[in-house]
C-alpha atoms as a PDB file:
ATOM      1  CA  MET A   1     121.618 122.252  93.517  1.00  0.00           C
ATOM      2  CA  PRO A   2     117.938 121.397  93.040  1.00  0.00           C
ATOM      3  CA  ILE A   3     117.045 118.270  91.067  1.00  0.00           C
ATOM      4  CA  LYS A   4     113.536 117.888  89.608  1.00  0.00           C
ATOM      5  CA  GLY A   5     112.002 114.659  88.452  1.00  0.00           C
ATOM      6  CA  LYS A   6     109.376 111.960  88.808  1.00  0.00           C
ATOM      7  CA  VAL A   7     109.666 109.170  91.389  1.00  0.00           C
ATOM      8  CA  ILE A   8     110.121 105.904  89.474  1.00  0.00           C
ATOM      9  CA  ALA A   9     111.259 103.523  92.248  1.00  0.00           C
ATOM     10  CA  ILE A  10     111.110 103.257  96.036  1.00  0.00           C
ATOM     11  CA  GLY A  11     113.493 101.040  97.980  1.00  0.00           C
ATOM     12  CA  ARG A  12     112.730  99.278 101.224  1.00  0.00           C
ATOM     13  CA  ARG A  13     112.958 101.191 104.472  1.00  0.00           C
ATOM     14  CA  LEU A  14     116.065 100.411 106.522  1.00  0.00           C
ATOM     15  CA  SER A  15     116.487 101.074 110.235  1.00  0.00           C
ATOM     16  CA  GLY A  16     119.065 100.579 112.919  1.00  0.00           C
ATOM     17  CA  VAL A  17     120.831 102.121 115.880  1.00  0.00           C
ATOM     18  CA  SER A  18     123.808 104.471 115.628  1.00  0.00           C
ATOM     19  CA  LYS A  19     127.034 102.831 116.857  1.00  0.00           C
ATOM     20  CA  THR A  20     128.452 106.109 118.144  1.00  0.00           C
ATOM     21  CA  LYS A  21     125.417 107.720 119.807  1.00  0.00           C
ATOM     22  CA  GLY A  22     123.071 104.761 120.259  1.00  0.00           C
ATOM     23  CA  THR A  23     120.172 106.649 118.667  1.00  0.00           C
ATOM     24  CA  PRO A  24     117.720 104.969 116.289  1.00  0.00           C
ATOM     25  CA  TRP A  25     117.726 105.909 112.589  1.00  0.00           C
ATOM     26  CA  GLU A  26     115.664 105.182 109.479  1.00  0.00           C
ATOM     27  CA  LYS A  27     116.566 105.514 105.817  1.00  0.00           C
ATOM     28  CA  GLN A  28     114.615 105.012 102.602  1.00  0.00           C
ATOM     29  CA  GLU A  29     116.023 105.133  99.092  1.00  0.00           C
ATOM     30  CA  TYR A  30     114.231 106.541  96.051  1.00  0.00           C
ATOM     31  CA  VAL A  31     114.993 106.908  92.356  1.00  0.00           C
ATOM     32  CA  ILE A  32     113.747 109.818  90.253  1.00  0.00           C
ATOM     33  CA  GLU A  33     113.958 110.368  86.528  1.00  0.00           C
ATOM     34  CA  THR A  34     114.728 113.921  85.457  1.00  0.00           C
ATOM     35  CA  ASP A  35     112.918 115.754  82.671  1.00  0.00           C
ATOM     36  CA  GLY A  36     114.476 117.123  79.531  1.00  0.00           C
ATOM     37  CA  GLN A  37     115.970 115.927  76.302  1.00  0.00           C
ATOM     38  CA  TYR A  38     118.403 113.579  78.084  1.00  0.00           C
ATOM     39  CA  PRO A  39     116.601 112.247  81.191  1.00  0.00           C
ATOM     40  CA  LYS A  40     118.787 110.822  83.929  1.00  0.00           C
ATOM     41  CA  LYS A  41     117.975 108.494  86.792  1.00  0.00           C
ATOM     42  CA  VAL A  42     119.126 109.755  90.200  1.00  0.00           C
ATOM     43  CA  ALA A  43     119.112 107.636  93.371  1.00  0.00           C
ATOM     44  CA  PHE A  44     118.933 109.398  96.740  1.00  0.00           C
ATOM     45  CA  SER A  45     118.037 108.710 100.362  1.00  0.00           C
ATOM     46  CA  ILE A  46     115.728 110.364 102.853  1.00  0.00           C
ATOM     47  CA  LEU A  47     116.424 109.992 106.562  1.00  0.00           C
ATOM     48  CA  ASN A  48     114.300 109.691 109.710  1.00  0.00           C
ATOM     49  CA  ASN A  49     111.171 111.871 110.072  1.00  0.00           C
ATOM     50  CA  LYS A  50     111.649 113.399 106.594  1.00  0.00           C
ATOM     51  CA  ILE A  51     110.443 110.073 105.110  1.00  0.00           C
ATOM     52  CA  GLU A  52     106.910 110.555 106.417  1.00  0.00           C
ATOM     53  CA  GLU A  53     106.940 114.322 105.813  1.00  0.00           C
ATOM     54  CA  ALA A  54     107.760 113.865 102.124  1.00  0.00           C
ATOM     55  CA  GLY A  55     105.056 111.212 101.624  1.00  0.00           C
ATOM     56  CA  LEU A  56     106.555 110.122  98.301  1.00  0.00           C
ATOM     57  CA  GLN A  57     104.898 107.598  96.014  1.00  0.00           C
ATOM     58  CA  ILE A  58     105.760 106.327  92.550  1.00  0.00           C
ATOM     59  CA  GLY A  59     104.694 108.880  89.955  1.00  0.00           C
ATOM     60  CA  HIS A  60     105.025 111.947  92.207  1.00  0.00           C
ATOM     61  CA  ASN A  61     106.704 114.991  90.676  1.00  0.00           C
ATOM     62  CA  ILE A  62     109.270 116.332  93.118  1.00  0.00           C
ATOM     63  CA  GLU A  63     112.211 118.663  93.552  1.00  0.00           C
ATOM     64  CA  ILE A  64     115.011 117.710  95.932  1.00  0.00           C
ATOM     65  CA  GLU A  65     118.119 119.359  97.299  1.00  0.00           C
ATOM     66  CA  VAL A  66     120.817 116.959  98.385  1.00  0.00           C
ATOM     67  CA  ASP A  67     124.082 116.581 100.266  1.00  0.00           C
ATOM     68  CA  ALA A  68     126.642 114.397  98.493  1.00  0.00           C
ATOM     69  CA  GLN A  69     129.048 112.253 100.480  1.00  0.00           C
ATOM     70  CA  SER A  70     131.583 109.680  99.305  1.00  0.00           C
ATOM     71  CA  ARG A  71     133.235 106.877 101.279  1.00  0.00           C
ATOM     72  CA  GLU A  72     136.013 104.448 100.457  1.00  0.00           C
ATOM     73  CA  TYR A  73     135.509 100.731 101.137  1.00  0.00           C
ATOM     74  CA  ASN A  74     137.992  98.046 100.057  1.00  0.00           C
ATOM     75  CA  GLY A  75     139.610 100.318  97.493  1.00  0.00           C
ATOM     76  CA  LYS A  76     136.322 101.435  95.885  1.00  0.00           C
ATOM     77  CA  TRP A  77     134.521 104.723  96.343  1.00  0.00           C
ATOM     78  CA  TYR A  78     130.767 104.917  96.972  1.00  0.00           C
ATOM     79  CA  THR A  79     128.745 108.128  96.749  1.00  0.00           C
ATOM     80  CA  GLU A  80     125.434 108.704  98.474  1.00  0.00           C
ATOM     81  CA  LEU A  81     122.997 111.571  97.927  1.00  0.00           C
ATOM     82  CA  THR A  82     120.891 112.441 100.981  1.00  0.00           C
ATOM     83  CA  ALA A  83     117.932 114.780 100.467  1.00  0.00           C
ATOM     84  CA  TRP A  84     117.719 117.584 102.999  1.00  0.00           C
ATOM     85  CA  ARG A  85     114.784 119.327 101.288  1.00  0.00           C
ATOM     86  CA  VAL A  86     111.950 117.694  99.357  1.00  0.00           C
ATOM     87  CA  LYS A  87     109.182 119.561  97.551  1.00  0.00           C
ATOM     88  CA  ASN A  88     106.442 117.129  96.617  1.00  0.00           C
ATOM     89  CA  TYR A  89     104.242 118.783  93.993  1.00  0.00           C
ATOM     90  CA  ASP A  90     101.726 115.902  94.116  1.00  0.00           C
ATOM     91  CA  ASN A  91     101.294 115.755  97.899  1.00  0.00           C
ATOM     92  CA  ALA A  92      97.821 116.671  99.163  1.00  0.00           C
ATOM     93  CA  ASN A  93      99.411 118.659 102.004  1.00  0.00           C
ATOM     94  CA  PRO A  94     102.078 120.978 100.539  1.00  0.00           C
ATOM     95  CA  GLN A  95     103.150 122.202 103.977  1.00  0.00           C
ATOM     96  CA  ALA A  96     104.263 118.670 104.885  1.00  0.00           C
ATOM     97  CA  SER A  97     107.018 118.839 102.298  1.00  0.00           C
ATOM     98  CA  ASN A  98     107.820 122.540 102.710  1.00  0.00           C
ATOM     99  CA  PRO A  99     108.048 123.634 106.345  1.00  0.00           C
ATOM    100  CA  ASN A 100     109.098 127.151 105.245  1.00  0.00           C
ATOM    101  CA  VAL A 101     105.630 127.932 103.862  1.00  0.00           C
ATOM    102  CA  TYR A 102     104.054 130.804 105.748  1.00  0.00           C
ATOM    103  CA  GLN A 103     100.318 130.643 106.144  1.00  0.00           C
ATOM    104  CA  GLN A 104      98.403 133.464 107.772  1.00  0.00           C
ATOM    105  CA  GLN A 105      95.328 132.656 109.834  1.00  0.00           C
ATOM    106  CA  ALA A 106      92.033 133.763 108.247  1.00  0.00           C
ATOM    107  CA  PRO A 107      90.171 136.651 109.934  1.00  0.00           C
ATOM    108  CA  GLN A 108      87.538 135.709 112.489  1.00  0.00           C
ATOM    109  CA  GLY A 109      84.180 135.040 110.816  1.00  0.00           C
ATOM    110  CA  TYR A 110      85.708 134.354 107.383  1.00  0.00           C
ATOM    111  CA  THR A 111      84.189 131.416 105.521  1.00  0.00           C
ATOM    112  CA  GLU A 112      85.808 129.776 102.507  1.00  0.00           C
ATOM    113  CA  PRO A 113      83.746 130.466  99.348  1.00  0.00           C
ATOM    114  CA  GLN A 114      82.204 127.424  97.682  1.00  0.00           C
ATOM    115  CA  PHE A 115      83.422 126.529  94.212  1.00  0.00           C
ATOM    116  CA  GLY A 116      81.334 128.259  91.562  1.00  0.00           C
ATOM    117  CA  GLN A 117      79.829 130.781  93.977  1.00  0.00           C
ATOM    118  CA  PRO A 118      81.145 134.322  94.480  1.00  0.00           C
ATOM    119  CA  ALA A 119      82.581 135.176  97.877  1.00  0.00           C
ATOM    120  CA  GLN A 120      80.479 137.414 100.085  1.00  0.00           C
ATOM    121  CA  ASN A 121      81.897 140.901 100.372  1.00  0.00           C
ATOM    122  CA  ASP A 122      81.434 141.777 104.035  1.00  0.00           C
ATOM    123  CA  SER A 123      83.962 144.509 104.826  1.00  0.00           C
ATOM    124  CA  SER A 124      83.239 144.267 108.568  1.00  0.00           C
ATOM    125  CA  ASN A 125      85.387 141.103 108.732  1.00  0.00           C
ATOM    126  CA  MET A 126      88.349 142.590 106.885  1.00  0.00           C
ATOM    127  CA  PRO A 127      91.568 142.694 108.962  1.00  0.00           C
ATOM    128  CA  PHE A 128      92.465 146.244 107.793  1.00  0.00           C
END
């Protein structure tokens, strides 16, 4: 289930070593506020290399997809949401937050048109 909202808080980054596998891990917690008539605050975590890929900052508009997991400790239940996909609409590099974006390489000799100037129409560089 996707959840959209604005980042309103960022927790400190935690790190450690897995007891079972001995591998290092990192975790950072975030809070977003959803849009709509009845906004809700949702806390979630991002793990390991996804932290840097998402590049989240306070005020960013994002969409996350999460895994929910609950654990019992001393007779109380605790639920954690871990983001497995983050779309950061305010990130300067959209591919960093969406690895499924397909980008085709420009044809050889193609130059990006300058803002306010029409692109040159040179059909000799067209790929088809």
